[in-house]
């Protein structure tokens, strides 16, 4: 059912993962300026105007940033879809673990993107995907407990 604790954990995972849309995720030095990575753009501070990411970035950085944004969207949609698969608990567990893997790929894209600068520091937005992994893992754990409970009741009948 939707009101179960695992559904709450999945909603929290989705919200934590989507927090990178509003919060800066990573700060990196770009030579004379400092830039912060966000899900939607790459802002450079210390120049006359903020640089939009896709206007001035290298092609490898564009691919990593696009990968970060796409993984964030796909993993959030997958975890949201997982909430409504409550009738098929084994499938729900698999989808939760796939969501966790996608979030790890998202984190990897951010770390690789930030490593292009000389000095990189995580910002508060980086906690979003990390919390999303924790919440999705807790949801999968509680789904497994529900599945074990249903199987044990079936054995009694």
Protein backbone atom coordinates (compact mmCIF):
# COMPACT_ATOMS: atom_id res chain seq x y z
CA UNK A 1 0.00 0.00 0.00
CA UNK A 2 1.07 3.55 -0.57
CA UNK A 3 0.92 4.59 3.09
CA UNK A 4 3.61 2.10 4.15
CA UNK A 5 6.96 3.24 5.58
CA UNK A 6 8.83 2.19 2.43
CA UNK A 7 6.66 4.55 0.38
CA UNK A 8 7.65 7.39 2.69
CA UNK A 9 11.31 6.47 2.28
CA UNK A 10 10.91 6.38 -1.51
CA UNK A 11 9.26 9.82 -1.53
CA UNK A 12 12.08 11.16 0.65
CA UNK A 13 14.61 9.61 -1.76
CA UNK A 14 12.95 11.33 -4.71
CA UNK A 15 12.84 14.69 -2.90
CA UNK A 16 16.45 14.40 -1.76
CA UNK A 17 17.55 13.51 -5.28
CA UNK A 18 15.62 16.43 -6.76
CA UNK A 19 17.21 18.81 -4.25
CA UNK A 20 20.16 19.16 -6.62
CA UNK A 21 17.92 21.24 -8.87
CA UNK A 22 17.88 24.03 -6.29
CA UNK A 23 21.18 23.59 -4.42
CA UNK A 24 24.75 23.85 -5.72
CA UNK A 25 26.40 20.44 -5.61
CA UNK A 26 30.13 21.03 -6.01
CA UNK A 27 32.60 23.92 -6.17
CA UNK A 28 35.64 23.76 -8.37
CA UNK A 29 38.48 26.16 -9.28
CA UNK A 30 38.57 27.12 -12.94
CA UNK A 31 41.84 28.94 -13.20
CA UNK A 32 41.14 32.58 -12.31
CA UNK A 33 37.56 31.95 -11.25
CA UNK A 34 35.59 29.58 -9.07
CA UNK A 35 32.64 27.64 -10.42
CA UNK A 36 29.80 25.80 -8.76
CA UNK A 37 28.08 22.81 -10.32
CA UNK A 38 24.31 22.66 -10.23
CA UNK A 39 22.02 20.17 -11.96
CA UNK A 40 20.86 22.74 -14.47
CA UNK A 41 23.94 24.90 -15.03
CA UNK A 42 27.55 25.57 -14.21
CA UNK A 43 28.05 29.06 -12.73
CA UNK A 44 31.45 30.69 -12.79
CA UNK A 45 32.10 33.38 -10.21
CA UNK A 46 34.87 35.92 -10.44
CA UNK A 47 34.18 36.89 -14.04
CA UNK A 48 32.14 39.80 -15.36
CA UNK A 49 29.13 37.61 -16.04
CA UNK A 50 28.07 34.16 -14.97
CA UNK A 51 29.03 31.61 -17.58
CA UNK A 52 26.29 29.28 -18.68
CA UNK A 53 27.66 25.75 -18.67
CA UNK A 54 26.85 24.73 -22.22
CA UNK A 55 28.22 27.94 -23.74
CA UNK A 56 31.80 27.63 -22.48
CA UNK A 57 32.40 24.05 -21.36
CA UNK A 58 34.50 21.38 -23.01
CA UNK A 59 32.71 18.51 -24.74
CA UNK A 60 33.76 16.00 -22.02
CA UNK A 61 32.39 18.26 -19.32
CA UNK A 62 29.18 18.71 -21.28
CA UNK A 63 28.75 14.93 -21.50
CA UNK A 64 29.38 14.49 -17.77
CA UNK A 65 27.01 17.31 -16.87
CA UNK A 66 24.35 15.93 -19.21
CA UNK A 67 24.90 12.47 -17.71
CA UNK A 68 24.49 13.93 -14.23
CA UNK A 69 21.21 15.64 -15.15
CA UNK A 70 19.84 12.62 -17.04
CA UNK A 71 20.73 10.20 -14.22
CA UNK A 72 19.09 12.53 -11.71
CA UNK A 73 15.86 12.65 -13.73
CA UNK A 74 15.78 8.92 -14.57
CA UNK A 75 16.56 7.78 -11.01
CA UNK A 76 13.95 10.15 -9.56
CA UNK A 77 11.28 8.96 -12.01
CA UNK A 78 12.20 5.32 -11.40
CA UNK A 79 11.95 5.71 -7.62
CA UNK A 80 8.64 7.53 -8.02
CA UNK A 81 7.37 4.69 -10.23
CA UNK A 82 8.58 2.19 -7.63
CA UNK A 83 6.13 3.62 -5.09
CA UNK A 84 3.18 2.51 -7.22
CA UNK A 85 4.48 -1.05 -7.77
CA UNK A 86 3.36 -2.08 -4.25
CA UNK A 87 1.46 -5.12 -5.58
CA UNK A 88 4.67 -6.73 -6.86
CA UNK A 89 7.16 -6.56 -3.98
CA UNK A 90 10.03 -8.46 -5.66
CA UNK A 91 9.81 -6.11 -8.63
CA UNK A 92 9.67 -3.16 -6.24
CA UNK A 93 12.88 -4.32 -4.56
CA UNK A 94 14.64 -4.67 -7.92
CA UNK A 95 13.52 -1.21 -9.01
CA UNK A 96 14.73 0.30 -5.74
CA UNK A 97 18.18 -1.27 -6.21
CA UNK A 98 18.32 -0.10 -9.83
CA UNK A 99 17.48 3.40 -8.58
CA UNK A 100 20.34 3.18 -6.09
CA UNK A 101 22.75 2.19 -8.87
CA UNK A 102 21.56 5.11 -11.02
CA UNK A 103 22.09 7.51 -8.13
CA UNK A 104 25.62 6.15 -7.68
CA UNK A 105 26.25 6.85 -11.38
CA UNK A 106 24.86 10.35 -10.83
CA UNK A 107 27.28 10.89 -7.93
CA UNK A 108 30.14 9.54 -10.06
CA UNK A 109 29.30 12.04 -12.84
CA UNK A 110 29.40 14.92 -10.34
CA UNK A 111 32.71 13.81 -8.87
CA UNK A 112 34.31 13.37 -12.30
CA UNK A 113 32.94 16.72 -13.42
CA UNK A 114 34.31 18.44 -10.31
CA UNK A 115 37.74 16.83 -10.73
CA UNK A 116 38.28 18.90 -13.88
CA UNK A 117 39.20 21.80 -11.56
CA UNK A 118 42.33 21.98 -9.44
CA UNK A 119 40.62 22.35 -6.07
CA UNK A 120 37.18 20.81 -5.60
CA UNK A 121 34.89 21.01 -2.57
CA UNK A 122 31.45 19.45 -2.07
CA UNK A 123 28.61 21.86 -1.32
CA UNK A 124 25.31 21.22 0.53
CA UNK A 125 23.58 19.93 -2.60
CA UNK A 126 25.92 16.94 -2.70
CA UNK A 127 24.14 15.56 0.37
CA UNK A 128 20.93 15.18 -1.69
CA UNK A 129 22.01 12.18 -3.79
CA UNK A 130 23.78 10.64 -0.79
CA UNK A 131 20.60 10.90 1.27
CA UNK A 132 18.62 9.55 -1.68
CA UNK A 133 20.80 6.42 -1.68
CA UNK A 134 20.24 5.95 2.06
CA UNK A 135 16.46 6.45 1.78
CA UNK A 136 16.18 4.11 -1.23
CA UNK A 137 18.20 1.44 0.60
CA UNK A 138 15.95 1.77 3.66
CA UNK A 139 12.88 1.47 1.42
CA UNK A 140 14.26 -1.70 -0.18
CA UNK A 141 14.99 -3.11 3.25
CA UNK A 142 11.42 -2.49 4.46
CA UNK A 143 9.97 -3.87 1.23
CA UNK A 144 11.99 -7.04 1.79
CA UNK A 145 10.68 -7.25 5.38
CA UNK A 146 7.11 -6.95 4.08
CA UNK A 147 7.76 -9.64 1.49
CA UNK A 148 9.21 -11.96 4.15
CA UNK A 149 6.19 -11.32 6.37
CA UNK A 150 3.76 -12.17 3.57
CA UNK A 151 5.70 -15.35 2.76
CA UNK A 152 5.67 -16.44 6.39
CA UNK A 153 1.91 -15.90 6.63
CA UNK A 154 1.43 -17.91 3.43
CA UNK A 155 3.36 -20.81 5.00
CA UNK A 156 1.04 -20.83 8.01
CA UNK A 157 -2.06 -21.17 5.82
